[in-house]
C-alpha atoms as a PDB file:
ATOM      1  CA  MET A   1      -1.783  -2.989  12.158  1.00  0.00           C
ATOM      2  CA  VAL A   2      -4.773  -1.111  12.142  1.00  0.00           C
ATOM      3  CA  LEU A   3      -7.924  -2.572  10.893  1.00  0.00           C
ATOM      4  CA  SER A   4     -10.432   0.122   9.112  1.00  0.00           C
ATOM      5  CA  VAL A   5     -13.579  -0.812   7.531  1.00  0.00           C
ATOM      6  CA  VAL A   6     -15.311   1.530   4.947  1.00  0.00           C
ATOM      7  CA  MET A   7     -18.929   0.986   4.465  1.00  0.00           C
ATOM      8  CA  ARG A   8     -20.850   3.147   1.735  1.00  0.00           C
ATOM      9  CA  GLN A   9     -24.406   2.024   0.566  1.00  0.00           C
ATOM     10  CA  THR A  10     -23.709  -1.817  -0.311  1.00  0.00           C
ATOM     11  CA  ARG A  11     -19.771  -1.466  -0.171  1.00  0.00           C
ATOM     12  CA  ILE A  12     -18.075  -3.308   2.819  1.00  0.00           C
ATOM     13  CA  LYS A  13     -14.382  -3.586   2.460  1.00  0.00           C
ATOM     14  CA  ILE A  14     -11.652  -4.558   4.959  1.00  0.00           C
ATOM     15  CA  GLU A  15      -8.481  -2.832   4.944  1.00  0.00           C
ATOM     16  CA  GLY A  16      -5.210  -4.308   5.684  1.00  0.00           C
ATOM     17  CA  VAL A  17      -5.831  -7.905   6.055  1.00  0.00           C
ATOM     18  CA  GLU A  18      -6.100 -10.703   3.520  1.00  0.00           C
ATOM     19  CA  SER A  19      -9.922 -10.740   2.276  1.00  0.00           C
ATOM     20  CA  VAL A  20     -12.132 -12.470  -0.486  1.00  0.00           C
ATOM     21  CA  TYR A  21     -14.623 -10.243  -2.284  1.00  0.00           C
ATOM     22  CA  HIS A  22     -17.129 -11.271  -4.710  1.00  0.00           C
ATOM     23  CA  CYS A  23     -17.598  -8.179  -7.211  1.00  0.00           C
ATOM     24  CA  MET A  24     -19.976  -7.491  -9.930  1.00  0.00           C
ATOM     25  CA  THR A  25     -20.273  -4.626 -12.263  1.00  0.00           C
ATOM     26  CA  LYS A  26     -22.571  -3.856 -15.239  1.00  0.00           C
ATOM     27  CA  ILE A  27     -22.351  -2.088 -18.694  1.00  0.00           C
ATOM     28  CA  VAL A  28     -24.160   1.240 -18.550  1.00  0.00           C
ATOM     29  CA  GLY A  29     -27.792   0.706 -19.389  1.00  0.00           C
ATOM     30  CA  GLY A  30     -27.625  -2.786 -19.351  1.00  0.00           C
ATOM     31  CA  ASP A  31     -26.448  -2.793 -22.956  1.00  0.00           C
ATOM     32  CA  PHE A  32     -24.779  -5.834 -24.506  1.00  0.00           C
ATOM     33  CA  LEU A  33     -21.506  -4.431 -25.163  1.00  0.00           C
ATOM     34  CA  LEU A  34     -19.650  -7.437 -24.395  1.00  0.00           C
ATOM     35  CA  GLU A  35     -21.585  -9.654 -26.646  1.00  0.00           C
ATOM     36  CA  GLY A  36     -18.823 -10.059 -28.869  1.00  0.00           C
ATOM     37  CA  ASP A  37     -16.048 -12.728 -28.448  1.00  0.00           C
ATOM     38  CA  ARG A  38     -13.324 -10.454 -29.115  1.00  0.00           C
ATOM     39  CA  GLU A  39     -14.586  -8.115 -26.384  1.00  0.00           C
ATOM     40  CA  LYS A  40     -14.905 -10.896 -23.879  1.00  0.00           C
ATOM     41  CA  GLU A  41     -11.556 -11.989 -24.914  1.00  0.00           C
ATOM     42  CA  VAL A  42      -9.855  -8.663 -24.430  1.00  0.00           C
ATOM     43  CA  LEU A  43     -11.499  -8.345 -20.919  1.00  0.00           C
ATOM     44  CA  ARG A  44     -10.483 -11.928 -19.903  1.00  0.00           C
ATOM     45  CA  LYS A  45      -6.770 -11.352 -20.756  1.00  0.00           C
ATOM     46  CA  GLN A  46      -7.019  -7.830 -18.775  1.00  0.00           C
ATOM     47  CA  ILE A  47      -8.413  -9.519 -15.810  1.00  0.00           C
ATOM     48  CA  TRP A  48      -5.180 -11.572 -15.589  1.00  0.00           C
ATOM     49  CA  LYS A  49      -2.853  -8.663 -16.334  1.00  0.00           C
ATOM     50  CA  VAL A  50      -4.389  -6.042 -13.851  1.00  0.00           C
ATOM     51  CA  SER A  51      -4.736  -8.728 -10.977  1.00  0.00           C
ATOM     52  CA  ALA A  52      -0.919  -9.605 -11.674  1.00  0.00           C
ATOM     53  CA  PHE A  53      -0.250  -6.016 -11.479  1.00  0.00           C
ATOM     54  CA  CYS A  54      -2.311  -5.445  -8.477  1.00  0.00           C
ATOM     55  CA  GLY A  55      -1.476  -8.565  -6.879  1.00  0.00           C
ATOM     56  CA  VAL A  56      -4.900  -9.783  -6.086  1.00  0.00           C
ATOM     57  CA  GLU A  57      -5.411 -13.386  -6.555  1.00  0.00           C
ATOM     58  CA  VAL A  58      -8.339 -14.273  -8.828  1.00  0.00           C
ATOM     59  CA  LEU A  59     -10.041 -17.349  -7.730  1.00  0.00           C
ATOM     60  CA  THR A  60     -12.677 -17.326 -10.681  1.00  0.00           C
ATOM     61  CA  TYR A  61     -14.804 -15.036 -12.856  1.00  0.00           C
ATOM     62  CA  CYS A  62     -17.260 -15.038 -15.505  1.00  0.00           C
ATOM     63  CA  ILE A  63     -17.796 -12.487 -18.507  1.00  0.00           C
ATOM     64  CA  MET A  64     -21.391 -12.182 -19.990  1.00  0.00           C
ATOM     65  CA  SER A  65     -22.647  -9.919 -22.455  1.00  0.00           C
ATOM     66  CA  ASN A  66     -23.471  -6.835 -20.385  1.00  0.00           C
ATOM     67  CA  HIS A  67     -21.778  -7.648 -16.816  1.00  0.00           C
ATOM     68  CA  PHE A  68     -19.113  -9.701 -15.212  1.00  0.00           C
ATOM     69  CA  HIS A  69     -18.258 -11.346 -12.014  1.00  0.00           C
ATOM     70  CA  ILE A  70     -15.141 -11.886 -10.359  1.00  0.00           C
ATOM     71  CA  LEU A  71     -13.961 -13.714  -6.931  1.00  0.00           C
ATOM     72  CA  VAL A  72     -10.482 -12.297  -5.835  1.00  0.00           C
ATOM     73  CA  ARG A  73      -8.427 -12.531  -2.713  1.00  0.00           C
ATOM     74  CA  THR A  74      -6.800  -9.299  -1.642  1.00  0.00           C
ATOM     75  CA  PRO A  75      -3.207  -9.532   0.228  1.00  0.00           C
ATOM     76  CA  ARG A  76      -2.143  -8.195   3.415  1.00  0.00           C
ATOM     77  CA  ARG A  77      -0.915  -4.595   3.495  1.00  0.00           C
ATOM     78  CA  ASP A  78       2.261  -5.522   5.164  1.00  0.00           C
ATOM     79  CA  ALA A  79       3.030  -8.114   2.338  1.00  0.00           C
ATOM     80  CA  LEU A  80       2.948  -5.389  -0.385  1.00  0.00           C
ATOM     81  CA  ASP A  81       5.178  -3.043   1.616  1.00  0.00           C
ATOM     82  CA  GLU A  82       7.761  -5.865   1.784  1.00  0.00           C
ATOM     83  CA  LEU A  83       7.946  -6.125  -2.068  1.00  0.00           C
ATOM     84  CA  SER A  84      11.300  -5.541  -3.591  1.00  0.00           C
ATOM     85  CA  ASP A  85      11.977  -2.935  -6.308  1.00  0.00           C
ATOM     86  CA  LYS A  86      12.477  -5.901  -8.616  1.00  0.00           C
ATOM     87  CA  GLU A  87       8.960  -7.416  -8.113  1.00  0.00           C
ATOM     88  CA  ILE A  88       7.491  -3.963  -8.396  1.00  0.00           C
ATOM     89  CA  LEU A  89       9.002  -3.308 -11.656  1.00  0.00           C
ATOM     90  CA  ARG A  90       8.249  -6.682 -12.737  1.00  0.00           C
ATOM     91  CA  ARG A  91       4.537  -6.363 -12.087  1.00  0.00           C
ATOM     92  CA  THR A  92       4.543  -2.879 -13.760  1.00  0.00           C
ATOM     93  CA  GLY A  93       5.518  -5.093 -16.983  1.00  0.00           C
ATOM     94  CA  CYS A  94       1.959  -6.655 -16.776  1.00  0.00           C
ATOM     95  CA  ILE A  95       0.112  -3.435 -17.817  1.00  0.00           C
ATOM     96  CA  TYR A  96       2.686  -1.180 -19.178  1.00  0.00           C
ATOM     97  CA  SER A  97       5.098  -1.182 -22.377  1.00  0.00           C
ATOM     98  CA  LYS A  98       8.580  -2.111 -22.449  1.00  0.00           C
ATOM     99  CA  GLU A  99       9.258   1.645 -22.619  1.00  0.00           C
ATOM    100  CA  LYS A 100       7.068   2.668 -19.746  1.00  0.00           C
ATOM    101  CA  VAL A 101       8.768   0.049 -17.457  1.00  0.00           C
ATOM    102  CA  GLU A 102      12.292   1.279 -18.560  1.00  0.00           C
ATOM    103  CA  PHE A 103      11.130   4.628 -17.550  1.00  0.00           C
ATOM    104  CA  PHE A 104      10.237   3.353 -14.042  1.00  0.00           C
ATOM    105  CA  GLU A 105      13.128   1.455 -13.844  1.00  0.00           C
ATOM    106  CA  SER A 106      15.396   4.884 -14.428  1.00  0.00           C
ATOM    107  CA  ARG A 107      13.369   6.255 -11.592  1.00  0.00           C
ATOM    108  CA  PHE A 108      14.255   3.776  -9.147  1.00  0.00           C
ATOM    109  CA  ASP A 109      18.123   3.820 -10.246  1.00  0.00           C
ATOM    110  CA  GLU A 110      18.287   7.303  -9.160  1.00  0.00           C
ATOM    111  CA  GLY A 111      17.351   6.481  -5.649  1.00  0.00           C
ATOM    112  CA  GLY A 112      16.564   8.648  -2.931  1.00  0.00           C
ATOM    113  CA  ASP A 113      13.688  10.652  -2.668  1.00  0.00           C
ATOM    114  CA  ILE A 114      12.532  10.197  -6.364  1.00  0.00           C
ATOM    115  CA  ARG A 115      12.705   6.434  -5.861  1.00  0.00           C
ATOM    116  CA  LYS A 116      10.775   6.478  -2.820  1.00  0.00           C
ATOM    117  CA  ARG A 117       7.905   8.738  -4.456  1.00  0.00           C
ATOM    118  CA  PHE A 118       8.014   6.294  -7.565  1.00  0.00           C
ATOM    119  CA  ARG A 119       7.659   3.185  -5.403  1.00  0.00           C
ATOM    120  CA  ALA A 120       4.934   4.712  -3.092  1.00  0.00           C
ATOM    121  CA  ASN A 121       3.040   5.696  -5.972  1.00  0.00           C
ATOM    122  CA  LEU A 122       3.167   2.162  -7.722  1.00  0.00           C
ATOM    123  CA  LEU A 123       2.489   0.559  -4.333  1.00  0.00           C
ATOM    124  CA  SER A 124      -0.663   2.831  -3.813  1.00  0.00           C
ATOM    125  CA  ARG A 125      -2.306   1.370  -6.665  1.00  0.00           C
ATOM    126  CA  MET A 126      -1.693  -2.592  -5.458  1.00  0.00           C
ATOM    127  CA  GLY A 127      -3.666  -4.925  -3.391  1.00  0.00           C
ATOM    128  CA  ASP A 128      -7.124  -3.012  -2.614  1.00  0.00           C
ATOM    129  CA  ILE A 129     -10.332  -4.272  -4.084  1.00  0.00           C
ATOM    130  CA  SER A 130     -11.648  -1.091  -5.308  1.00  0.00           C
ATOM    131  CA  LEU A 131      -8.302   0.276  -6.821  1.00  0.00           C
ATOM    132  CA  PHE A 132      -8.088  -3.496  -8.577  1.00  0.00           C
ATOM    133  CA  MET A 133     -11.637  -2.787 -10.042  1.00  0.00           C
ATOM    134  CA  LYS A 134     -10.963   0.683 -11.130  1.00  0.00           C
ATOM    135  CA  GLU A 135      -7.846  -0.220 -12.798  1.00  0.00           C
ATOM    136  CA  LEU A 136      -9.580  -3.197 -14.656  1.00  0.00           C
ATOM    137  CA  LYS A 137     -12.607  -0.950 -15.886  1.00  0.00           C
ATOM    138  CA  GLN A 138     -10.905   1.935 -16.581  1.00  0.00           C
ATOM    139  CA  ARG A 139      -8.307   0.074 -18.917  1.00  0.00           C
ATOM    140  CA  PHE A 140     -10.963  -1.697 -20.591  1.00  0.00           C
ATOM    141  CA  SER A 141     -13.286   1.202 -21.206  1.00  0.00           C
ATOM    142  CA  ILE A 142     -10.099   2.944 -22.985  1.00  0.00           C
ATOM    143  CA  TRP A 143      -9.768   0.103 -25.238  1.00  0.00           C
ATOM    144  CA  TYR A 144     -13.183  -0.361 -25.901  1.00  0.00           C
ATOM    145  CA  ASN A 145     -14.047   3.304 -26.614  1.00  0.00           C
ATOM    146  CA  LYS A 146     -10.961   3.582 -28.874  1.00  0.00           C
ATOM    147  CA  THR A 147     -11.829   0.394 -30.842  1.00  0.00           C
ATOM    148  CA  HIS A 148     -15.439   1.215 -31.362  1.00  0.00           C
ATOM    149  CA  ARG A 149     -14.863   4.997 -31.693  1.00  0.00           C
ATOM    150  CA  ARG A 150     -17.083   5.553 -28.726  1.00  0.00           C
ATOM    151  CA  THR A 151     -17.015   8.190 -26.153  1.00  0.00           C
ATOM    152  CA  GLY A 152     -18.636   8.298 -22.504  1.00  0.00           C
ATOM    153  CA  THR A 153     -19.009   6.152 -19.762  1.00  0.00           C
ATOM    154  CA  LEU A 154     -18.946   2.393 -20.431  1.00  0.00           C
ATOM    155  CA  TRP A 155     -19.741   1.003 -17.215  1.00  0.00           C
ATOM    156  CA  GLY A 156     -22.956   1.645 -15.006  1.00  0.00           C
ATOM    157  CA  GLU A 157     -23.284   2.141 -11.381  1.00  0.00           C
ATOM    158  CA  ARG A 158     -20.654   1.379  -8.831  1.00  0.00           C
ATOM    159  CA  PHE A 159     -19.679  -2.214  -8.758  1.00  0.00           C
ATOM    160  CA  LYS A 160     -21.173  -4.437  -6.206  1.00  0.00           C
ATOM    161  CA  SER A 161     -19.178  -6.347  -3.538  1.00  0.00           C
ATOM    162  CA  VAL A 162     -19.629  -9.051  -0.974  1.00  0.00           C
ATOM    163  CA  LEU A 163     -17.338  -9.849   1.684  1.00  0.00           C
ATOM    164  CA  VAL A 164     -16.966 -13.541   1.623  1.00  0.00           C
ATOM    165  CA  GLN A 165     -15.310 -15.802   4.380  1.00  0.00           C
ATOM    166  CA  ASP A 166     -12.126 -17.362   3.410  1.00  0.00           C
ATOM    167  CA  ASP A 167     -13.543 -20.980   3.851  1.00  0.00           C
ATOM    168  CA  PRO A 168     -13.506 -23.722   1.049  1.00  0.00           C
ATOM    169  CA  PHE A 169     -17.284 -24.461   1.331  1.00  0.00           C
ATOM    170  CA  ALA A 170     -18.149 -20.715   1.088  1.00  0.00           C
ATOM    171  CA  LEU A 171     -15.805 -19.943  -1.580  1.00  0.00           C
ATOM    172  CA  MET A 172     -16.491 -23.018  -3.743  1.00  0.00           C
ATOM    173  CA  THR A 173     -20.313 -22.303  -3.407  1.00  0.00           C
ATOM    174  CA  ILE A 174     -20.119 -18.642  -4.609  1.00  0.00           C
ATOM    175  CA  ALA A 175     -17.508 -19.731  -6.934  1.00  0.00           C
ATOM    176  CA  ALA A 176     -19.825 -22.196  -8.525  1.00  0.00           C
ATOM    177  CA  TYR A 177     -22.579 -19.570  -8.620  1.00  0.00           C
ATOM    178  CA  ILE A 178     -20.258 -17.377 -10.576  1.00  0.00           C
ATOM    179  CA  ASP A 179     -19.345 -20.206 -13.087  1.00  0.00           C
ATOM    180  CA  LEU A 180     -22.825 -21.133 -13.655  1.00  0.00           C
ATOM    181  CA  ASN A 181     -23.820 -17.545 -15.076  1.00  0.00           C
ATOM    182  CA  PRO A 182     -23.923 -18.959 -18.755  1.00  0.00           C
ATOM    183  CA  VAL A 183     -25.916 -21.734 -17.622  1.00  0.00           C
ATOM    184  CA  ARG A 184     -28.359 -19.604 -16.006  1.00  0.00           C
ATOM    185  CA  ALA A 185     -28.467 -17.541 -19.254  1.00  0.00           C
ATOM    186  CA  ARG A 186     -29.280 -20.883 -21.270  1.00  0.00           C
ATOM    187  CA  ILE A 187     -26.114 -20.399 -23.248  1.00  0.00           C
ATOM    188  CA  VAL A 188     -24.711 -23.741 -22.415  1.00  0.00           C
ATOM    189  CA  SER A 189     -25.638 -26.643 -20.166  1.00  0.00           C
ATOM    190  CA  ASP A 190     -22.183 -27.047 -18.698  1.00  0.00           C
ATOM    191  CA  PRO A 191     -19.921 -24.181 -17.800  1.00  0.00           C
ATOM    192  CA  VAL A 192     -16.874 -26.385 -19.396  1.00  0.00           C
ATOM    193  CA  GLU A 193     -18.340 -25.427 -22.681  1.00  0.00           C
ATOM    194  CA  TYR A 194     -17.942 -21.559 -21.751  1.00  0.00           C
ATOM    195  CA  ARG A 195     -14.706 -20.275 -22.688  1.00  0.00           C
ATOM    196  CA  TYR A 196     -15.136 -16.919 -20.494  1.00  0.00           C
ATOM    197  CA  CYS A 197     -15.297 -18.339 -16.979  1.00  0.00           C
ATOM    198  CA  GLY A 198     -12.827 -19.408 -14.618  1.00  0.00           C
ATOM    199  CA  TYR A 199     -14.229 -23.125 -14.690  1.00  0.00           C
ATOM    200  CA  GLY A 200     -14.252 -23.243 -18.500  1.00  0.00           C
ATOM    201  CA  GLU A 201     -10.559 -21.819 -18.788  1.00  0.00           C
ATOM    202  CA  ALA A 202      -9.278 -24.098 -15.982  1.00  0.00           C
ATOM    203  CA  MET A 203     -10.593 -27.083 -17.887  1.00  0.00           C
ATOM    204  CA  GLY A 204      -8.976 -25.973 -21.118  1.00  0.00           C
ATOM    205  CA  GLY A 205      -5.909 -26.124 -19.350  1.00  0.00           C
ATOM    206  CA  ALA A 206      -4.882 -22.472 -18.389  1.00  0.00           C
ATOM    207  CA  LYS A 207      -2.627 -22.494 -15.583  1.00  0.00           C
ATOM    208  CA  ASN A 208      -3.894 -19.333 -13.862  1.00  0.00           C
ATOM    209  CA  ALA A 209      -7.429 -20.550 -13.859  1.00  0.00           C
ATOM    210  CA  ARG A 210      -6.543 -24.043 -12.442  1.00  0.00           C
ATOM    211  CA  ARG A 211      -4.454 -22.284  -9.848  1.00  0.00           C
ATOM    212  CA  GLY A 212      -7.499 -20.217  -8.680  1.00  0.00           C
ATOM    213  CA  ILE A 213      -9.755 -23.273  -8.510  1.00  0.00           C
ATOM    214  CA  SER A 214      -7.034 -25.176  -6.395  1.00  0.00           C
ATOM    215  CA  ARG A 215      -6.453 -22.575  -3.935  1.00  0.00           C
ATOM    216  CA  LEU A 216     -10.526 -22.046  -3.296  1.00  0.00           C
ATOM    217  CA  THR A 217     -10.721 -25.770  -2.785  1.00  0.00           C
ATOM    218  CA  ARG A 218      -7.364 -25.601  -0.578  1.00  0.00           C
ATOM    219  CA  HIS A 219      -6.067 -28.295  -2.913  1.00  0.00           C
ATOM    220  CA  ARG A 220      -3.162 -26.329  -3.996  1.00  0.00           C
ATOM    221  CA  GLU A 221      -0.891 -29.468  -5.055  1.00  0.00           C
ATOM    222  CA  SER A 222      -3.451 -31.716  -6.791  1.00  0.00           C
ATOM    223  CA  TRP A 223      -5.414 -30.256  -9.736  1.00  0.00           C
ATOM    224  CA  GLY A 224      -7.258 -33.729  -9.878  1.00  0.00           C
ATOM    225  CA  ARG A 225      -8.556 -33.576  -6.294  1.00  0.00           C
ATOM    226  CA  ALA A 226      -9.324 -29.858  -6.622  1.00  0.00           C
ATOM    227  CA  ILE A 227     -11.492 -30.168  -9.596  1.00  0.00           C
ATOM    228  CA  GLU A 228     -13.105 -33.406  -8.049  1.00  0.00           C
ATOM    229  CA  LYS A 229     -13.913 -31.472  -5.000  1.00  0.00           C
ATOM    230  CA  TYR A 230     -15.378 -28.162  -6.937  1.00  0.00           C
ATOM    231  CA  ARG A 231     -17.360 -30.358  -9.492  1.00  0.00           C
ATOM    232  CA  GLU A 232     -19.309 -31.604  -6.298  1.00  0.00           C
ATOM    233  CA  ILE A 233     -20.573 -28.098  -5.724  1.00  0.00           C
ATOM    234  CA  VAL A 234     -21.226 -27.296  -9.492  1.00  0.00           C
ATOM    235  CA  PHE A 235     -22.997 -30.394 -10.386  1.00  0.00           C
ATOM    236  CA  GLY A 236     -23.903 -32.135  -7.045  1.00  0.00           C
ATOM    237  CA  LYS A 237     -22.626 -34.990  -5.247  1.00  0.00           C
ATOM    238  CA  GLY A 238     -22.866 -38.406  -7.275  1.00  0.00           C
ATOM    239  CA  TYR A 239     -22.746 -36.578 -10.749  1.00  0.00           C
ATOM    240  CA  ALA A 240     -21.831 -38.596 -13.719  1.00  0.00           C
ATOM    241  CA  ARG A 241     -19.861 -36.547 -16.187  1.00  0.00           C
ATOM    242  CA  ASN A 242     -21.926 -37.282 -19.078  1.00  0.00           C
ATOM    243  CA  ALA A 243     -25.231 -36.518 -16.986  1.00  0.00           C
ATOM    244  CA  SER A 244     -23.653 -33.046 -16.121  1.00  0.00           C
ATOM    245  CA  ARG A 245     -24.125 -32.192 -19.751  1.00  0.00           C
ATOM    246  CA  GLY A 246     -27.932 -32.536 -19.549  1.00  0.00           C
ATOM    247  CA  ASN A 247     -30.201 -29.503 -20.562  1.00  0.00           C
ATOM    248  CA  ARG A 248     -30.319 -28.173 -17.049  1.00  0.00           C
ATOM    249  CA  ALA A 249     -31.116 -24.952 -18.306  1.00  0.00           C
ATOM    250  CA  LEU A 250     -34.884 -26.001 -18.981  1.00  0.00           C
ATOM    251  CA  GLU A 251     -35.131 -26.712 -15.457  1.00  0.00           C
ATOM    252  CA  ILE A 252     -34.489 -23.220 -14.324  1.00  0.00           C
ATOM    253  CA  GLU A 253     -38.088 -21.779 -14.593  1.00  0.00           C
ATOM    254  CA  LYS A 254     -39.562 -24.549 -12.431  1.00  0.00           C
ATOM    255  CA  THR A 255     -36.798 -24.123  -9.828  1.00  0.00           C
ATOM    256  CA  ARG A 256     -37.500 -20.541  -9.577  1.00  0.00           C
ATOM    257  CA  GLU A 257     -41.273 -20.995  -9.141  1.00  0.00           C
ATOM    258  CA  ILE A 258     -40.565 -23.445  -6.218  1.00  0.00           C
ATOM    259  CA  LEU A 259     -38.033 -20.888  -4.575  1.00  0.00           C
ATOM    260  CA  ASN A 260     -40.247 -17.812  -4.987  1.00  0.00           C
ATOM    261  CA  THR A 261     -43.207 -19.436  -3.280  1.00  0.00           C
ATOM    262  CA  GLY A 262     -41.088 -20.145  -0.228  1.00  0.00           C
ATOM    263  CA  GLY A 263     -40.244 -23.841  -1.120  1.00  0.00           C
ATOM    264  CA  ARG A 264     -36.578 -25.494  -1.054  1.00  0.00           C
ATOM    265  CA  VAL A 265     -34.650 -26.895  -3.729  1.00  0.00           C
ATOM    266  CA  ASP A 266     -31.599 -29.103  -3.830  1.00  0.00           C
ATOM    267  CA  ARG A 267     -28.336 -26.540  -3.494  1.00  0.00           C
ATOM    268  CA  THR A 268     -27.205 -27.573  -6.895  1.00  0.00           C
ATOM    269  CA  GLU A 269     -30.428 -26.584  -8.482  1.00  0.00           C
ATOM    270  CA  ALA A 270     -30.711 -23.376  -6.620  1.00  0.00           C
ATOM    271  CA  LEU A 271     -27.287 -22.231  -7.929  1.00  0.00           C
ATOM    272  CA  ARG A 272     -28.608 -22.137 -11.343  1.00  0.00           C
ATOM    273  CA  CYS A 273     -30.824 -19.346 -10.322  1.00  0.00           C
ATOM    274  CA  ARG A 274     -30.161 -15.872  -9.715  1.00  0.00           C
ATOM    275  CA  ILE A 275     -29.492 -15.458  -6.027  1.00  0.00           C
ATOM    276  CA  ARG A 276     -29.160 -12.157  -4.458  1.00  0.00           C
ATOM    277  CA  TYR A 277     -27.616 -13.333  -1.338  1.00  0.00           C
ATOM    278  CA  PHE A 278     -24.275 -13.580  -3.622  1.00  0.00           C
ATOM    279  CA  SER A 279     -24.590  -9.869  -4.758  1.00  0.00           C
ATOM    280  CA  ASP A 280     -26.364  -7.869  -2.119  1.00  0.00           C
ATOM    281  CA  GLY A 281     -25.907  -9.917   1.018  1.00  0.00           C
ATOM    282  CA  ALA A 282     -22.738  -7.686   1.721  1.00  0.00           C
ATOM    283  CA  VAL A 283     -21.193 -10.134   4.204  1.00  0.00           C
ATOM    284  CA  LEU A 284     -21.304 -14.180   3.449  1.00  0.00           C
ATOM    285  CA  GLY A 285     -19.938 -16.891   5.827  1.00  0.00           C
ATOM    286  CA  SER A 286     -20.581 -18.886   8.822  1.00  0.00           C
ATOM    287  CA  LYS A 287     -22.736 -17.443  11.687  1.00  0.00           C
ATOM    288  CA  GLU A 288     -19.472 -17.058  13.729  1.00  0.00           C
ATOM    289  CA  PHE A 289     -18.049 -15.026  10.811  1.00  0.00           C
ATOM    290  CA  VAL A 290     -20.940 -12.881  10.114  1.00  0.00           C
ATOM    291  CA  GLN A 291     -21.455 -12.248  13.993  1.00  0.00           C
ATOM    292  CA  GLY A 292     -17.727 -11.298  14.107  1.00  0.00           C
ATOM    293  CA  TYR A 293     -18.038  -8.806  11.610  1.00  0.00           C
ATOM    294  CA  PHE A 294     -21.478  -7.605  13.230  1.00  0.00           C
ATOM    295  CA  GLU A 295     -19.644  -7.181  16.715  1.00  0.00           C
ATOM    296  CA  SER A 296     -16.705  -5.406  15.343  1.00  0.00           C
ATOM    297  CA  HIS A 297     -18.615  -2.585  13.578  1.00  0.00           C
ATOM    298  CA  ARG A 298     -21.861  -2.481  15.701  1.00  0.00           C
ATOM    299  CA  ASP A 299     -22.194   1.230  15.283  1.00  0.00           C
ATOM    300  CA  ARG A 300     -22.918   0.510  11.568  1.00  0.00           C
ATOM    301  CA  PHE A 301     -26.306  -1.056  12.353  1.00  0.00           C
ATOM    302  CA  GLY A 302     -29.549  -0.031  13.951  1.00  0.00           C
ATOM    303  CA  ARG A 303     -29.826  -0.002  17.621  1.00  0.00           C
ATOM    304  CA  LYS A 304     -32.522  -2.430  17.511  1.00  0.00           C
ATOM    305  CA  ARG A 305     -30.672  -4.892  16.041  1.00  0.00           C
ATOM    306  CA  ARG A 306     -29.114  -7.776  18.210  1.00  0.00           C
ATOM    307  CA  ASP A 307     -27.098  -9.824  16.078  1.00  0.00           C
ATOM    308  CA  GLY A 308     -25.373 -10.227  12.640  1.00  0.00           C
ATOM    309  CA  PRO A 309     -26.243 -13.443  10.938  1.00  0.00           C
ATOM    310  CA  ARG A 310     -29.427 -13.738   8.725  1.00  0.00           C
ATOM    311  CA  ARG A 311     -30.679 -17.126   7.545  1.00  0.00           C
ATOM    312  CA  MET A 312     -30.349 -17.715   3.588  1.00  0.00           C
ATOM    313  CA  ARG A 313     -33.739 -19.334   2.328  1.00  0.00           C
ATOM    314  CA  GLY A 314     -34.347 -21.444  -0.465  1.00  0.00           C
ATOM    315  CA  SER A 315     -31.995 -24.207  -0.126  1.00  0.00           C
ATOM    316  CA  ASP A 316     -29.674 -26.116   2.492  1.00  0.00           C
ATOM    317  CA  TRP A 317     -26.690 -23.498   2.455  1.00  0.00           C
ATOM    318  CA  GLY A 318     -24.965 -25.610   5.113  1.00  0.00           C
ATOM    319  CA  GLU A 319     -23.516 -22.939   7.626  1.00  0.00           C
ATOM    320  CA  LEU A 320     -23.358 -20.087   5.350  1.00  0.00           C
ATOM    321  CA  THR A 321     -25.474 -17.100   6.337  1.00  0.00           C
ATOM    322  CA  CYS A 322     -25.468 -13.353   5.298  1.00  0.00           C
ATOM    323  CA  ILE A 323     -25.715  -9.899   7.346  1.00  0.00           C
ATOM    324  CA  ARG A 324     -28.518  -8.595   5.137  1.00  0.00           C
ATOM    325  CA  ASP A 325     -32.027 -10.017   5.426  1.00  0.00           C
ATOM    326  CA  LEU A 326     -33.218 -10.012   1.832  1.00  0.00           C
ATOM    327  CA  ARG A 327     -37.025 -10.596   1.868  1.00  0.00           C
ATOM    328  CA  ARG A 328     -37.884  -9.799  -1.738  1.00  0.00           C
ATOM    329  CA  GLU A 329     -36.694 -10.771  -4.973  1.00  0.00           C
ATOM    330  CA  VAL A 330     -34.131 -13.030  -3.506  1.00  0.00           C
ATOM    331  CA  PHE A 331     -34.473 -15.323  -6.485  1.00  0.00           C
ATOM    332  CA  GLY A 332     -34.822 -14.501 -10.244  1.00  0.00           C
END
């Protein structure tokens, strides 16, 4: 299998192998077009439908009023090539009507070159992070513009993405950052109270969301152990369930002041601030992970650069590093 990497501005993407990405995209002009519950609910449902079609695994997500975050794991390319016709057709049912699925079935039944062409066309839209985001954003745009009698572009600039090491600590840290979005926005004091994030949906009993948290913690068989592990990242070790509902949002300004003056705060508090490492760091993981990427793609960096990992400031991030040395406006 050939490993190829496409890098365009802030985009780093690895083709062909199982990979994890944190993606974020904004509404054009920063307008609050997702402010209503109906809009958030439709986008929430479409996230799960499009992910089922594309075969990407949603670990967590968060929908805000003018943007959304999502943490997903993409599959190996050879795993997609091995999909049966029955499975491909099942996936089409996640985003298409019954009549459309029947049309695809008839093309598959014809066999020969027609079957091969339709199979290849459907497979070409699966597995890739860019194709997943394109499919999701386009489908929601069509619904939104039709519903609101609107025309034109709904989404702003290209979505941002960070390649994340597929390691439980790295995944739980960035997932907690995503689920804490409504806390940073002072909408709720505990993400369990926010319906439109992976944590809130999982705690409400949704199987897909629970599966995502279980897999990012690697406790796939025990939901109880998985959520206990994840809560330690979201609320800090030694947390108390009732204490977690305290008005943590009121502490954000103080935390920002400490971070922006070069100080350090507890990781649990730091995660309640905007951290550009998680949206602009490009590659995030252990020193070995980031260095491995750097060495494999040395030609993409300046001649004077000697290594890849860059220290993340502001808190004790454990072994986490990133490939971009962000110096200004890291915290917000």
